[in-house]
PDB file of all heavy atoms in Angstrom:
ATOM      1  N   GLU A   1      -1.281  10.476  79.523  1.00  0.00           N
ATOM      2  CA  GLU A   1      -2.071  10.154  78.348  1.00  0.00           C
ATOM      3  C   GLU A   1      -3.095  11.236  78.019  1.00  0.00           C
ATOM      4  O   GLU A   1      -3.658  11.868  78.909  1.00  0.00           O
ATOM      5  CB  GLU A   1      -2.770   8.806  78.540  1.00  0.00           C
ATOM      6  CG  GLU A   1      -1.783   7.651  78.692  1.00  0.00           C
ATOM      7  CD  GLU A   1      -2.466   6.303  78.785  1.00  0.00           C
ATOM      8  OE1 GLU A   1      -3.702   6.278  79.012  1.00  0.00           O
ATOM      9  OE2 GLU A   1      -1.780   5.277  78.637  1.00  0.00           O
ATOM     10  N   TRP A   2      -3.297  11.419  76.704  1.00  0.00           N
ATOM     11  CA  TRP A   2      -4.264  12.379  76.198  1.00  0.00           C
ATOM     12  C   TRP A   2      -4.665  11.937  74.800  1.00  0.00           C
ATOM     13  O   TRP A   2      -3.803  11.664  73.966  1.00  0.00           O
ATOM     14  CB  TRP A   2      -3.676  13.787  76.168  1.00  0.00           C
ATOM     15  CG  TRP A   2      -4.506  14.793  75.428  1.00  0.00           C
ATOM     16  CD1 TRP A   2      -4.234  15.375  74.227  1.00  0.00           C
ATOM     17  CD2 TRP A   2      -5.753  15.332  75.840  1.00  0.00           C
ATOM     18  NE1 TRP A   2      -5.224  16.247  73.864  1.00  0.00           N
ATOM     19  CE2 TRP A   2      -6.183  16.247  74.842  1.00  0.00           C
ATOM     20  CE3 TRP A   2      -6.561  15.140  76.969  1.00  0.00           C
ATOM     21  CZ2 TRP A   2      -7.368  16.950  74.936  1.00  0.00           C
ATOM     22  CZ3 TRP A   2      -7.752  15.846  77.060  1.00  0.00           C
ATOM     23  CH2 TRP A   2      -8.140  16.740  76.050  1.00  0.00           C
ATOM     24  N   LYS A   3      -5.937  11.829  74.541  1.00  0.00           N
ATOM     25  CA  LYS A   3      -6.401  11.352  73.245  1.00  0.00           C
ATOM     26  C   LYS A   3      -6.349  12.482  72.221  1.00  0.00           C
ATOM     27  O   LYS A   3      -7.321  13.207  72.021  1.00  0.00           O
ATOM     28  CB  LYS A   3      -7.820  10.798  73.361  1.00  0.00           C
ATOM     29  CG  LYS A   3      -7.903   9.500  74.162  1.00  0.00           C
ATOM     30  CD  LYS A   3      -9.312   8.944  74.180  1.00  0.00           C
ATOM     31  CE  LYS A   3      -9.371   7.636  74.959  1.00  0.00           C
ATOM     32  NZ  LYS A   3     -10.738   7.073  74.986  1.00  0.00           N
ATOM     33  N   GLY A   4      -5.217  12.620  71.622  1.00  0.00           N
ATOM     34  CA  GLY A   4      -5.015  13.646  70.615  1.00  0.00           C
ATOM     35  C   GLY A   4      -3.583  13.642  70.137  1.00  0.00           C
ATOM     36  O   GLY A   4      -2.697  13.030  70.749  1.00  0.00           O
ATOM     37  N   SER A   5      -3.323  14.326  69.028  1.00  0.00           N
ATOM     38  CA  SER A   5      -1.993  14.403  68.450  1.00  0.00           C
ATOM     39  C   SER A   5      -1.261  15.606  69.045  1.00  0.00           C
ATOM     40  O   SER A   5      -1.663  16.752  68.841  1.00  0.00           O
ATOM     41  CB  SER A   5      -2.093  14.529  66.930  1.00  0.00           C
ATOM     42  OG  SER A   5      -0.811  14.576  66.351  1.00  0.00           O
ATOM     43  N   LEU A   6      -0.192  15.351  69.792  1.00  0.00           N
ATOM     44  CA  LEU A   6       0.560  16.400  70.472  1.00  0.00           C
ATOM     45  C   LEU A   6       1.669  16.892  69.544  1.00  0.00           C
ATOM     46  O   LEU A   6       2.495  16.101  69.074  1.00  0.00           O
ATOM     47  CB  LEU A   6       1.139  15.872  71.778  1.00  0.00           C
ATOM     48  CG  LEU A   6       0.093  15.277  72.738  1.00  0.00           C
ATOM     49  CD1 LEU A   6       0.767  14.685  73.964  1.00  0.00           C
ATOM     50  CD2 LEU A   6      -0.952  16.320  73.130  1.00  0.00           C
ATOM     51  N   VAL A   7       1.696  18.192  69.266  1.00  0.00           N
ATOM     52  CA  VAL A   7       2.597  18.731  68.245  1.00  0.00           C
ATOM     53  C   VAL A   7       3.690  19.629  68.822  1.00  0.00           C
ATOM     54  O   VAL A   7       4.624  19.989  68.104  1.00  0.00           O
ATOM     55  CB  VAL A   7       1.802  19.521  67.189  1.00  0.00           C
ATOM     56  CG1 VAL A   7       0.819  18.605  66.473  1.00  0.00           C
ATOM     57  CG2 VAL A   7       1.060  20.706  67.805  1.00  0.00           C
ATOM     58  N   SER A   8       3.576  20.016  70.084  1.00  0.00           N
ATOM     59  CA  SER A   8       4.588  20.858  70.717  1.00  0.00           C
ATOM     60  C   SER A   8       4.615  20.539  72.195  1.00  0.00           C
ATOM     61  O   SER A   8       3.655  19.980  72.746  1.00  0.00           O
ATOM     62  CB  SER A   8       4.301  22.350  70.484  1.00  0.00           C
ATOM     63  OG  SER A   8       3.033  22.705  70.992  1.00  0.00           O
ATOM     64  N   MET A   9       5.718  20.903  72.866  1.00  0.00           N
ATOM     65  CA  MET A   9       5.838  20.609  74.295  1.00  0.00           C
ATOM     66  C   MET A   9       6.808  21.580  74.942  1.00  0.00           C
ATOM     67  O   MET A   9       7.819  21.962  74.350  1.00  0.00           O
ATOM     68  CB  MET A   9       6.316  19.167  74.505  1.00  0.00           C
ATOM     69  CG  MET A   9       6.517  18.774  75.963  1.00  0.00           C
ATOM     70  SD  MET A   9       6.795  16.977  76.188  1.00  0.00           S
ATOM     71  CE  MET A   9       8.294  16.735  75.228  1.00  0.00           C
ATOM     72  N   ALA A  10       6.499  21.965  76.179  1.00  0.00           N
ATOM     73  CA  ALA A  10       7.408  22.767  76.988  1.00  0.00           C
ATOM     74  C   ALA A  10       7.314  22.277  78.427  1.00  0.00           C
ATOM     75  O   ALA A  10       6.229  21.931  78.907  1.00  0.00           O
ATOM     76  CB  ALA A  10       7.052  24.250  76.918  1.00  0.00           C
ATOM     77  N   LEU A  11       8.449  22.226  79.120  1.00  0.00           N
ATOM     78  CA  LEU A  11       8.518  21.806  80.511  1.00  0.00           C
ATOM     79  C   LEU A  11       8.885  23.000  81.378  1.00  0.00           C
ATOM     80  O   LEU A  11       9.709  23.832  80.999  1.00  0.00           O
ATOM     81  CB  LEU A  11       9.569  20.710  80.709  1.00  0.00           C
ATOM     82  CG  LEU A  11       9.485  19.474  79.810  1.00  0.00           C
ATOM     83  CD1 LEU A  11      10.611  18.501  80.168  1.00  0.00           C
ATOM     84  CD2 LEU A  11       8.142  18.795  79.928  1.00  0.00           C
ATOM     85  N   SER A  12       8.274  23.076  82.560  1.00  0.00           N
ATOM     86  CA  SER A  12       8.661  24.117  83.511  1.00  0.00           C
ATOM     87  C   SER A  12      10.073  23.853  84.004  1.00  0.00           C
ATOM     88  O   SER A  12      10.623  22.757  83.823  1.00  0.00           O
ATOM     89  CB  SER A  12       7.684  24.152  84.685  1.00  0.00           C
ATOM     90  OG  SER A  12       7.696  22.915  85.382  1.00  0.00           O
ATOM     91  N   ALA A  13      10.675  24.842  84.643  1.00  0.00           N
ATOM     92  CA  ALA A  13      12.070  24.739  85.058  1.00  0.00           C
ATOM     93  C   ALA A  13      12.314  23.554  85.981  1.00  0.00           C
ATOM     94  O   ALA A  13      13.368  22.905  85.908  1.00  0.00           O
ATOM     95  CB  ALA A  13      12.496  26.034  85.735  1.00  0.00           C
ATOM     96  N   ASP A  14      11.371  23.235  86.851  1.00  0.00           N
ATOM     97  CA  ASP A  14      11.544  22.103  87.757  1.00  0.00           C
ATOM     98  C   ASP A  14      11.053  20.790  87.175  1.00  0.00           C
ATOM     99  O   ASP A  14      11.139  19.746  87.833  1.00  0.00           O
ATOM    100  CB  ASP A  14      10.846  22.371  89.092  1.00  0.00           C
ATOM    101  CG  ASP A  14       9.334  22.578  88.942  1.00  0.00           C
ATOM    102  OD1 ASP A  14       8.803  22.441  87.814  1.00  0.00           O
ATOM    103  OD2 ASP A  14       8.682  22.891  89.959  1.00  0.00           O
ATOM    104  N   GLY A  15      10.536  20.815  85.966  1.00  0.00           N
ATOM    105  CA  GLY A  15      10.069  19.604  85.308  1.00  0.00           C
ATOM    106  C   GLY A  15       8.715  19.111  85.769  1.00  0.00           C
ATOM    107  O   GLY A  15       8.240  18.077  85.285  1.00  0.00           O
ATOM    108  N   ASP A  16       8.056  19.844  86.652  1.00  0.00           N
ATOM    109  CA  ASP A  16       6.787  19.350  87.187  1.00  0.00           C
ATOM    110  C   ASP A  16       5.623  19.603  86.241  1.00  0.00           C
ATOM    111  O   ASP A  16       4.716  18.780  86.135  1.00  0.00           O
ATOM    112  CB  ASP A  16       6.493  20.005  88.545  1.00  0.00           C
ATOM    113  CG  ASP A  16       5.243  19.454  89.194  1.00  0.00           C
ATOM    114  OD1 ASP A  16       5.106  18.215  89.264  1.00  0.00           O
ATOM    115  OD2 ASP A  16       4.375  20.249  89.610  1.00  0.00           O
ATOM    116  N   ILE A  17       5.627  20.740  85.546  1.00  0.00           N
ATOM    117  CA  ILE A  17       4.516  21.081  84.653  1.00  0.00           C
ATOM    118  C   ILE A  17       4.908  20.728  83.219  1.00  0.00           C
ATOM    119  O   ILE A  17       5.975  21.105  82.735  1.00  0.00           O
ATOM    120  CB  ILE A  17       4.158  22.569  84.745  1.00  0.00           C
ATOM    121  CG1 ILE A  17       3.803  22.958  86.180  1.00  0.00           C
ATOM    122  CG2 ILE A  17       2.984  22.898  83.819  1.00  0.00           C
ATOM    123  CD1 ILE A  17       3.668  24.440  86.404  1.00  0.00           C
ATOM    124  N   VAL A  18       4.037  19.992  82.550  1.00  0.00           N
ATOM    125  CA  VAL A  18       4.232  19.607  81.152  1.00  0.00           C
ATOM    126  C   VAL A  18       3.102  20.221  80.349  1.00  0.00           C
ATOM    127  O   VAL A  18       1.926  19.958  80.620  1.00  0.00           O
ATOM    128  CB  VAL A  18       4.206  18.079  80.984  1.00  0.00           C
ATOM    129  CG1 VAL A  18       4.534  17.700  79.545  1.00  0.00           C
ATOM    130  CG2 VAL A  18       5.159  17.410  81.956  1.00  0.00           C
ATOM    131  N   ALA A  19       3.423  21.046  79.377  1.00  0.00           N
ATOM    132  CA  ALA A  19       2.414  21.673  78.526  1.00  0.00           C
ATOM    133  C   ALA A  19       2.625  21.210  77.094  1.00  0.00           C
ATOM    134  O   ALA A  19       3.762  21.170  76.610  1.00  0.00           O
ATOM    135  CB  ALA A  19       2.503  23.192  78.604  1.00  0.00           C
ATOM    136  N   CYS A  20       1.533  20.866  76.419  1.00  0.00           N
ATOM    137  CA  CYS A  20       1.605  20.396  75.033  1.00  0.00           C
ATOM    138  C   CYS A  20       0.539  21.070  74.190  1.00  0.00           C
ATOM    139  O   CYS A  20      -0.624  21.159  74.597  1.00  0.00           O
ATOM    140  CB  CYS A  20       1.400  18.884  74.960  1.00  0.00           C
ATOM    141  SG  CYS A  20       2.780  17.906  75.577  1.00  0.00           S
ATOM    142  N   GLY A  21       0.925  21.526  73.012  1.00  0.00           N
ATOM    143  CA  GLY A  21      -0.029  21.973  72.022  1.00  0.00           C
ATOM    144  C   GLY A  21      -0.545  20.778  71.256  1.00  0.00           C
ATOM    145  O   GLY A  21       0.202  19.841  70.953  1.00  0.00           O
ATOM    146  N   SER A  22      -1.833  20.786  70.930  1.00  0.00           N
ATOM    147  CA  SER A  22      -2.464  19.641  70.293  1.00  0.00           C
ATOM    148  C   SER A  22      -3.016  20.008  68.918  1.00  0.00           C
ATOM    149  O   SER A  22      -3.341  21.168  68.642  1.00  0.00           O
ATOM    150  CB  SER A  22      -3.599  19.104  71.176  1.00  0.00           C
ATOM    151  OG  SER A  22      -4.232  17.989  70.581  1.00  0.00           O
ATOM    152  N   GLN A  23      -3.126  18.997  68.071  1.00  0.00           N
ATOM    153  CA  GLN A  23      -3.662  19.171  66.729  1.00  0.00           C
ATOM    154  C   GLN A  23      -5.093  19.694  66.739  1.00  0.00           C
ATOM    155  O   GLN A  23      -5.554  20.301  65.775  1.00  0.00           O
ATOM    156  CB  GLN A  23      -3.607  17.825  65.988  1.00  0.00           C
ATOM    157  CG  GLN A  23      -3.943  17.881  64.511  1.00  0.00           C
ATOM    158  CD  GLN A  23      -2.815  18.428  63.676  1.00  0.00           C
ATOM    159  OE1 GLN A  23      -1.641  18.257  64.004  1.00  0.00           O
ATOM    160  NE2 GLN A  23      -3.138  19.100  62.573  1.00  0.00           N
ATOM    161  N   ASP A  24      -5.802  19.486  67.863  1.00  0.00           N
ATOM    162  CA  ASP A  24      -7.203  19.924  67.946  1.00  0.00           C
ATOM    163  C   ASP A  24      -7.339  21.369  68.433  1.00  0.00           C
ATOM    164  O   ASP A  24      -8.399  21.773  68.931  1.00  0.00           O
ATOM    165  CB  ASP A  24      -8.016  18.985  68.847  1.00  0.00           C
ATOM    166  CG  ASP A  24      -7.524  18.974  70.295  1.00  0.00           C
ATOM    167  OD1 ASP A  24      -6.586  19.732  70.620  1.00  0.00           O
ATOM    168  OD2 ASP A  24      -8.076  18.199  71.102  1.00  0.00           O
ATOM    169  N   ASN A  25      -6.254  22.159  68.309  1.00  0.00           N
ATOM    170  CA  ASN A  25      -6.274  23.594  68.643  1.00  0.00           C
ATOM    171  C   ASN A  25      -6.477  23.840  70.135  1.00  0.00           C
ATOM    172  O   ASN A  25      -7.168  24.791  70.535  1.00  0.00           O
ATOM    173  CB  ASN A  25      -7.339  24.344  67.838  1.00  0.00           C
ATOM    174  CG  ASN A  25      -7.091  24.296  66.352  1.00  0.00           C
ATOM    175  OD1 ASN A  25      -6.107  23.731  65.892  1.00  0.00           O
ATOM    176  ND2 ASN A  25      -7.987  24.886  65.578  1.00  0.00           N
ATOM    177  N   THR A  26      -5.875  22.997  70.969  1.00  0.00           N
ATOM    178  CA  THR A  26      -5.910  23.190  72.416  1.00  0.00           C
ATOM    179  C   THR A  26      -4.492  23.099  72.970  1.00  0.00           C
ATOM    180  O   THR A  26      -3.571  22.624  72.302  1.00  0.00           O
ATOM    181  CB  THR A  26      -6.780  22.128  73.114  1.00  0.00           C
ATOM    182  OG1 THR A  26      -6.175  20.835  72.941  1.00  0.00           O
ATOM    183  CG2 THR A  26      -8.195  22.119  72.568  1.00  0.00           C
TER     184      THR A  26
END
């Protein structure tokens, strides 16, 4: 969970790391 609008996502090769770009420029 994260209080914000998630607009992009990428997963590491093993699926452990989840990265998301947010509408709030983070």
